Amino acid sequence: MGFRKKNKSPPVLSHEFVIQNHADMVSCLAMIILLGLMFEVTAKFAIMFITVQYNVTQVLDEKQEAVNLYQYGPKDVATVFFYLLIAVILHALIQEYILDKINRRLHLSKTKHSKFNESGQLAAFYLFSFIWGCSILTAEDFATNPTFLWEGYPHTRMVFQVKFFYICQIAYWLHALPELYFQKVRKEDIPRQLYYICLYVVHITGAYVLNLHRLGLVLLVPHYLVELLFHASRLFYFSDENKQKGFTLWALLFVIARLLTLTLSVLTFGFGLPRTENQGFSLAEGNFNVLTIRMTCLAAICLTQAWMMWKFINFQLKKWREHSQNQASKKKTVSPKSKPPKREPTRGVCYTVV
């Protein structure tokens, strides 16, 4: 990976050279941006990449205190790009100093090796995002006031934690696209990973741009918990194939998360937003509360949940068939050895097996 020393250096700027040294190259680019803060001429451009932009000072009527809130704008693209670079560096560090060392001890096959790396990276990200998201929701008191999903829409202003959370989320899932090349992902695994990466980018960016960041955050937290459990269970399974209890709990929570997502989405787009005072479409005000956009968002979420349930059912059926075949093969191998001698059945007596 990026920080590993190699005995033989490949030709400069060749594919192998870029793959081996991509983290070092990205680190240099990030350092150049940081060095821009040292000079007055470049500081105003460098700070656009590093810090969160579009802060607005608002005075609360209740407490008469000034609060710094944030909006979104075109400069967020630069911020997302910088933290995309940070995500690439962190990805290489986790791979080099944690996952590669564990892989050497487990001696996994190429297929399991690829899945182990994928689950290791995603489990770390899901754990961090879940804890971060829970801390934000705790501050918002969503549990005691679910109507905050649509009250006061459009929610054009965010606290720092919410905006930075979305910036990091978009940056992480965008960084996953070049990682398909850097990690030499197998061709048969690329379509599957592209599907969920693109779905994350579209849904998270959509919630951010359409000022639906409250709903997006509430839906992401339980989803990340379910995904964390799945990838953690897969990591334990690769270390010991007898550890499969986590998949049972994951299957239960997966269905619950899908139902929760559909319920909150229908409640927000079908009942909450249509009854708010601000109805209409206005780019200047960030208001997208019209029937077309509401139905498009709801349809996108419902189709995504249906697709995920379809993949889940097929996955469970596949595992059930494999388990049935394994049990049948075991019975065939055991039955000739333990088969009792044939006896003439007694007439008038019916044998039942309970």
Protein backbone atom coordinates (compact mmCIF):
# COMPACT_ATOMS: atom_id res chain seq x y z
CA MET A 1 0.00 0.00 0.00
CA GLY A 2 0.95 3.65 0.13
CA PHE A 3 3.37 3.63 3.11
CA ARG A 4 5.03 0.28 2.46
CA LYS A 5 8.66 0.04 1.40
CA LYS A 6 9.34 -2.10 -1.65
CA ASN A 7 12.59 -3.76 -2.65
CA LYS A 8 11.99 -3.26 -6.36
CA SER A 9 10.53 0.02 -7.52
CA PRO A 10 8.27 -0.14 -10.58
CA PRO A 11 8.67 2.42 -13.40
CA VAL A 12 7.69 5.93 -12.40
CA LEU A 13 4.04 6.84 -13.10
CA SER A 14 3.24 3.27 -14.11
CA HIS A 15 0.05 1.66 -12.81
CA GLU A 16 1.93 -0.35 -10.20
CA PHE A 17 3.88 2.73 -9.09
CA VAL A 18 0.68 4.75 -8.58
CA ILE A 19 -1.00 1.90 -6.70
CA GLN A 20 1.96 1.35 -4.37
CA ASN A 21 2.60 5.02 -3.66
CA HIS A 22 -0.86 6.58 -3.97
CA ALA A 23 -1.08 7.41 -0.25
CA ASP A 24 2.31 9.18 -0.34
CA MET A 25 1.25 11.17 -3.40
CA VAL A 26 -2.06 12.16 -1.83
CA SER A 27 -0.27 13.10 1.41
CA CYS A 28 1.98 15.46 -0.52
CA LEU A 29 -1.03 17.10 -2.15
CA ALA A 30 -2.72 17.55 1.23
CA MET A 31 0.49 19.02 2.69
CA ILE A 32 0.68 21.54 -0.16
CA ILE A 33 -2.85 22.71 0.68
CA LEU A 34 -1.94 23.00 4.37
CA LEU A 35 1.25 24.92 3.56
CA GLY A 36 -0.91 27.42 1.71
CA LEU A 37 -2.11 28.66 5.10
CA MET A 38 1.39 30.00 5.85
CA PHE A 39 1.33 32.65 3.12
CA GLU A 40 -1.08 35.56 2.99
CA VAL A 41 -1.51 35.32 -0.77
CA THR A 42 -2.62 31.68 -0.75
CA ALA A 43 -4.23 31.54 2.69
CA LYS A 44 -7.67 32.67 1.48
CA PHE A 45 -7.66 29.85 -1.08
CA ALA A 46 -6.24 27.18 1.25
CA ILE A 47 -8.73 27.93 4.00
CA MET A 48 -11.54 27.27 1.53
CA PHE A 49 -10.34 23.63 1.33
CA ILE A 50 -9.76 23.07 5.03
CA THR A 51 -12.49 24.87 6.96
CA VAL A 52 -16.27 24.68 6.65
CA GLN A 53 -17.65 27.60 4.62
CA TYR A 54 -20.82 29.73 4.60
CA ASN A 55 -21.17 30.46 8.31
CA VAL A 56 -24.05 32.72 9.37
CA THR A 57 -24.47 34.33 12.79
CA GLN A 58 -28.00 34.04 14.14
CA VAL A 59 -29.38 35.47 17.37
CA LEU A 60 -31.84 33.24 19.21
CA ASP A 61 -34.88 35.05 20.54
CA GLU A 62 -35.14 32.90 23.65
CA LYS A 63 -31.59 33.16 24.96
CA GLN A 64 -30.46 36.32 23.13
CA GLU A 65 -27.20 34.58 22.26
CA ALA A 66 -25.39 34.61 18.94
CA VAL A 67 -25.05 31.18 17.37
CA ASN A 68 -22.90 30.29 14.36
CA LEU A 69 -24.87 28.31 11.81
CA TYR A 70 -23.88 27.13 8.35
CA GLN A 71 -25.40 26.90 4.89
CA TYR A 72 -24.19 25.03 1.82
CA GLY A 73 -22.74 26.45 -1.38
CA PRO A 74 -20.34 25.87 -4.30
CA LYS A 75 -17.24 26.22 -2.10
CA ASP A 76 -18.22 23.02 -0.32
CA VAL A 77 -16.83 21.16 -3.34
CA ALA A 78 -13.31 22.26 -2.36
CA THR A 79 -13.86 21.18 1.25
CA VAL A 80 -15.16 17.79 0.12
CA PHE A 81 -12.09 17.38 -2.10
CA PHE A 82 -9.67 18.04 0.78
CA TYR A 83 -11.36 15.58 3.12
CA LEU A 84 -11.50 13.07 0.27
CA LEU A 85 -7.69 13.23 0.33
CA ILE A 86 -7.74 12.70 4.11
CA ALA A 87 -10.02 9.68 3.64
CA VAL A 88 -7.56 8.14 1.16
CA ILE A 89 -4.70 8.60 3.65
CA LEU A 90 -6.68 7.10 6.55
CA HIS A 91 -7.76 4.22 4.33
CA ALA A 92 -4.12 3.41 3.58
CA LEU A 93 -3.13 3.67 7.25
CA ILE A 94 -5.88 1.27 8.37
CA GLN A 95 -4.97 -1.15 5.59
CA GLU A 96 -1.24 -1.02 6.23
CA TYR A 97 -1.04 -1.10 10.02
CA ILE A 98 -4.16 -3.08 10.99
CA LEU A 99 -5.76 -5.17 8.24
CA ASP A 100 -2.59 -6.37 6.51
CA LYS A 101 -1.12 -7.56 9.80
CA ILE A 102 -4.28 -9.51 10.64
CA ASN A 103 -4.38 -10.98 7.12
CA ARG A 104 -0.87 -12.40 7.50
CA ARG A 105 -1.97 -14.31 10.60
CA LEU A 106 -5.22 -15.66 9.16
CA HIS A 107 -3.78 -16.87 5.82
CA LEU A 108 -7.02 -16.24 3.92
CA SER A 109 -7.71 -17.08 0.30
CA LYS A 110 -7.80 -14.31 -2.31
CA THR A 111 -11.59 -14.11 -2.24
CA LYS A 112 -11.79 -13.97 1.55
CA HIS A 113 -8.81 -11.61 1.64
CA SER A 114 -10.65 -9.10 -0.53
CA LYS A 115 -13.87 -9.36 1.50
CA PHE A 116 -11.94 -9.11 4.77
CA ASN A 117 -10.31 -5.85 3.66
CA GLU A 118 -13.65 -4.46 2.52
CA SER A 119 -15.39 -5.35 5.78
CA GLY A 120 -12.50 -4.05 7.87
CA GLN A 121 -12.54 -0.65 6.21
CA LEU A 122 -16.33 -0.32 6.27
CA ALA A 123 -16.65 -1.53 9.87
CA ALA A 124 -14.26 1.20 11.05
CA PHE A 125 -16.15 3.85 9.08
CA TYR A 126 -19.60 2.68 10.19
CA LEU A 127 -18.53 2.59 13.85
CA PHE A 128 -17.13 6.12 13.71
CA SER A 129 -20.14 7.50 11.79
CA PHE A 130 -22.67 5.76 14.06
CA ILE A 131 -21.13 7.24 17.23
CA TRP A 132 -20.86 10.67 15.60
CA GLY A 133 -24.45 10.55 14.33
CA CYS A 134 -25.80 9.44 17.71
CA SER A 135 -24.07 12.35 19.43
CA ILE A 136 -25.69 14.80 17.00
CA LEU A 137 -29.15 13.26 17.38
CA THR A 138 -28.83 13.32 21.17
CA ALA A 139 -28.22 17.07 21.04
CA GLU A 140 -31.25 17.51 18.75
CA ASP A 141 -33.61 15.60 21.10
CA PHE A 142 -35.18 13.70 18.24
CA ALA A 143 -36.52 10.95 20.51
CA THR A 144 -38.80 13.40 22.32
CA ASN A 145 -39.77 15.46 19.25
CA PRO A 146 -39.98 13.46 15.98
CA THR A 147 -41.77 16.35 14.24
CA PHE A 148 -38.47 18.20 13.97
CA LEU A 149 -37.97 16.24 10.72
CA TRP A 150 -40.29 18.65 8.90
CA GLU A 151 -41.07 21.52 11.25
CA GLY A 152 -39.65 24.82 10.02
CA TYR A 153 -38.73 23.50 6.56
CA PRO A 154 -36.66 24.54 4.64
CA HIS A 155 -33.83 23.78 7.04
CA THR A 156 -31.27 25.91 5.26
CA ARG A 157 -29.08 26.45 8.30
CA MET A 158 -27.14 23.79 10.17
CA VAL A 159 -24.93 23.63 13.20
CA PHE A 160 -21.25 22.95 12.60
CA GLN A 161 -21.43 19.27 13.55
CA VAL A 162 -24.24 18.53 11.08
CA LYS A 163 -22.56 20.25 8.14
CA PHE A 164 -19.15 18.73 8.87
CA PHE A 165 -20.80 15.32 9.22
CA TYR A 166 -22.28 15.58 5.73
CA ILE A 167 -19.03 16.92 4.26
CA CYS A 168 -17.15 13.92 5.66
CA GLN A 169 -19.83 11.47 4.53
CA ILE A 170 -19.79 12.70 0.94
CA ALA A 171 -15.99 12.81 0.93
CA TYR A 172 -15.69 9.24 2.22
CA TRP A 173 -18.04 7.69 -0.33
CA LEU A 174 -16.43 9.64 -3.18
CA HIS A 175 -13.01 8.43 -2.07
CA ALA A 176 -14.30 4.84 -2.34
CA LEU A 177 -14.43 5.21 -6.14
CA PRO A 178 -10.65 5.60 -6.73
CA GLU A 179 -10.03 3.03 -4.00
CA LEU A 180 -11.49 0.41 -6.35
CA TYR A 181 -8.40 1.02 -8.48
CA PHE A 182 -5.90 1.53 -5.67
CA GLN A 183 -6.96 -1.66 -3.85
CA LYS A 184 -6.99 -3.78 -7.02
CA VAL A 185 -10.55 -4.90 -6.40
CA ARG A 186 -11.50 -7.98 -8.41
CA LYS A 187 -13.52 -7.35 -11.57
CA GLU A 188 -16.42 -9.47 -10.37
CA ASP A 189 -16.67 -7.38 -7.15
CA ILE A 190 -16.54 -3.97 -8.83
CA PRO A 191 -20.24 -3.81 -9.98
CA ARG A 192 -21.51 -4.76 -6.52
CA GLN A 193 -19.38 -2.12 -4.80
CA LEU A 194 -20.20 0.51 -7.41
CA TYR A 195 -23.92 0.00 -6.76
CA TYR A 196 -23.81 0.77 -3.06
CA ILE A 197 -21.17 3.52 -3.39
CA CYS A 198 -23.29 5.39 -5.95
CA LEU A 199 -26.42 4.90 -3.84
CA TYR A 200 -24.70 6.41 -0.82
CA VAL A 201 -23.38 9.38 -2.82
CA VAL A 202 -26.75 10.11 -4.45
CA HIS A 203 -28.86 9.78 -1.28
CA ILE A 204 -26.51 11.66 1.07
CA THR A 205 -25.84 14.44 -1.43
CA GLY A 206 -29.57 14.67 -2.19
CA ALA A 207 -30.44 15.06 1.49
CA TYR A 208 -27.73 17.72 1.84
CA VAL A 209 -28.70 19.77 -1.23
CA LEU A 210 -32.48 19.53 -0.72
CA ASN A 211 -32.15 20.71 2.91
CA LEU A 212 -33.38 17.35 4.20
CA HIS A 213 -30.32 16.84 6.38
CA ARG A 214 -32.44 16.09 9.46
CA LEU A 215 -34.22 13.19 7.80
CA GLY A 216 -31.00 11.98 6.20
CA LEU A 217 -29.20 11.91 9.53
CA VAL A 218 -32.03 10.04 11.26
CA LEU A 219 -32.10 7.42 8.49
CA LEU A 220 -28.32 7.02 8.32
CA VAL A 221 -27.74 6.24 11.99
CA PRO A 222 -29.82 3.00 12.24
CA HIS A 223 -28.68 1.96 8.78
CA TYR A 224 -25.03 2.33 9.78
CA LEU A 225 -25.68 0.31 12.93
CA VAL A 226 -27.05 -2.58 10.86
CA GLU A 227 -24.16 -2.41 8.39
CA LEU A 228 -21.65 -2.25 11.25
CA LEU A 229 -23.10 -5.44 12.72
CA PHE A 230 -22.96 -7.21 9.36
CA HIS A 231 -19.32 -6.36 8.61
CA ALA A 232 -18.24 -7.04 12.19
CA SER A 233 -19.93 -10.45 11.98
CA ARG A 234 -18.18 -11.14 8.70
CA LEU A 235 -14.82 -10.28 10.25
CA PHE A 236 -15.45 -12.71 13.12
CA TYR A 237 -16.61 -15.33 10.60
CA PHE A 238 -13.34 -15.07 8.66
CA SER A 239 -11.36 -15.57 11.86
CA ASP A 240 -13.53 -18.52 12.94
CA GLU A 241 -16.21 -20.01 10.68
CA ASN A 242 -18.16 -21.26 13.71
CA LYS A 243 -18.93 -17.68 14.79
CA GLN A 244 -22.16 -17.04 12.87
CA LYS A 245 -24.54 -15.82 15.56
CA GLY A 246 -23.99 -12.20 14.56
CA PHE A 247 -25.62 -12.82 11.17
CA THR A 248 -28.89 -13.86 12.85
CA LEU A 249 -29.08 -10.61 14.81
CA TRP A 250 -28.11 -8.68 11.67
CA ALA A 251 -30.94 -10.28 9.69
CA LEU A 252 -33.48 -9.23 12.31
CA LEU A 253 -32.19 -5.66 12.58
CA PHE A 254 -31.93 -5.36 8.80
CA VAL A 255 -35.67 -5.89 8.36
CA ILE A 256 -36.46 -3.52 11.24
CA ALA A 257 -34.22 -0.82 9.74
CA ARG A 258 -35.96 -1.13 6.36
CA LEU A 259 -39.38 -0.77 7.98
CA LEU A 260 -38.19 2.19 10.05
CA THR A 261 -36.78 3.89 6.95
CA LEU A 262 -40.02 3.45 5.01
CA THR A 263 -42.14 4.61 7.96
CA LEU A 264 -40.17 7.81 8.58
CA SER A 265 -39.96 8.57 4.86
CA VAL A 266 -43.71 8.20 4.30
CA LEU A 267 -44.39 10.20 7.46
CA THR A 268 -42.12 13.04 6.35
CA PHE A 269 -42.91 13.26 2.62
CA GLY A 270 -46.52 12.12 2.80
CA PHE A 271 -47.84 13.84 5.93
CA GLY A 272 -45.30 16.25 7.42
CA LEU A 273 -43.97 18.37 4.56
CA PRO A 274 -47.36 18.79 2.75
CA ARG A 275 -48.75 20.42 5.91
CA THR A 276 -45.98 22.92 6.54
CA GLU A 277 -46.52 26.61 5.88
CA ASN A 278 -43.73 27.05 3.32
CA GLN A 279 -45.00 25.40 0.14
CA GLY A 280 -43.37 26.02 -3.23
CA PHE A 281 -40.09 25.89 -5.12
CA SER A 282 -37.37 28.49 -4.64
CA LEU A 283 -33.65 27.99 -5.22
CA ALA A 284 -32.82 31.29 -3.52
CA GLU A 285 -34.62 30.28 -0.33
CA GLY A 286 -33.61 26.61 -0.56
CA ASN A 287 -37.24 25.55 -0.59
CA PHE A 288 -38.01 22.33 -2.50
CA ASN A 289 -41.35 21.57 -0.88
CA VAL A 290 -43.37 20.73 -4.00
CA LEU A 291 -45.28 17.57 -4.82
CA THR A 292 -42.96 16.49 -7.65
CA ILE A 293 -39.80 16.61 -5.55
CA ARG A 294 -41.50 15.02 -2.53
CA MET A 295 -42.79 12.10 -4.58
CA THR A 296 -39.44 11.71 -6.38
CA CYS A 297 -37.57 11.53 -3.08
CA LEU A 298 -40.09 9.11 -1.59
CA ALA A 299 -39.99 6.90 -4.71
CA ALA A 300 -36.16 6.86 -4.66
CA ILE A 301 -36.11 5.78 -1.01
CA CYS A 302 -38.82 3.14 -1.48
CA LEU A 303 -37.14 1.68 -4.57
CA THR A 304 -33.80 1.55 -2.77
CA GLN A 305 -35.35 -0.22 0.23
CA ALA A 306 -37.16 -2.67 -2.09
CA TRP A 307 -33.90 -3.40 -3.92
CA MET A 308 -32.09 -3.97 -0.62
CA MET A 309 -34.83 -6.32 0.59
CA TRP A 310 -34.68 -8.23 -2.71
CA LYS A 311 -30.92 -8.68 -2.34
CA PHE A 312 -31.40 -9.67 1.30
CA ILE A 313 -34.03 -12.32 0.50
CA ASN A 314 -31.89 -13.78 -2.29
CA PHE A 315 -28.91 -13.86 0.06
CA GLN A 316 -30.89 -15.69 2.75
CA LEU A 317 -32.31 -18.17 0.23
CA LYS A 318 -28.84 -18.86 -1.11
CA LYS A 319 -27.50 -19.54 2.39
CA TRP A 320 -30.50 -21.74 3.19
CA ARG A 321 -29.92 -23.84 0.06
CA GLU A 322 -26.23 -24.20 0.83
CA HIS A 323 -27.06 -25.26 4.38
CA SER A 324 -29.62 -27.80 3.12
CA GLN A 325 -27.13 -29.25 0.65
CA ASN A 326 -24.46 -29.53 3.34
CA GLN A 327 -26.89 -31.30 5.68
CA ALA A 328 -27.97 -33.67 2.90
CA SER A 329 -24.36 -34.51 2.03
CA LYS A 330 -23.57 -35.19 5.68
CA LYS A 331 -26.53 -37.55 5.97
CA LYS A 332 -25.40 -39.44 2.88
CA THR A 333 -21.91 -39.93 4.26
CA VAL A 334 -23.13 -41.01 7.71
CA SER A 335 -26.08 -43.22 6.74
CA PRO A 336 -24.15 -46.19 5.17
CA LYS A 337 -22.06 -46.65 8.31
CA SER A 338 -24.87 -46.35 10.83
CA LYS A 339 -27.60 -48.01 8.79
CA PRO A 340 -29.35 -50.68 10.95
CA PRO A 341 -30.04 -54.15 9.57
CA LYS A 342 -33.32 -54.57 7.72
CA ARG A 343 -36.19 -56.16 9.61
CA GLU A 344 -39.54 -57.32 8.47
CA PRO A 345 -42.17 -54.73 9.46
CA THR A 346 -44.78 -55.93 11.88
CA ARG A 347 -48.21 -55.92 10.35
CA GLY A 348 -50.85 -53.73 11.98
CA VAL A 349 -48.28 -51.46 13.71
CA CYS A 350 -47.65 -47.87 12.54
CA TYR A 351 -44.30 -46.25 13.47
CA THR A 352 -44.23 -42.46 13.78
CA VAL A 353 -41.20 -40.25 14.26
CA VAL A 354 -41.76 -37.14 16.36
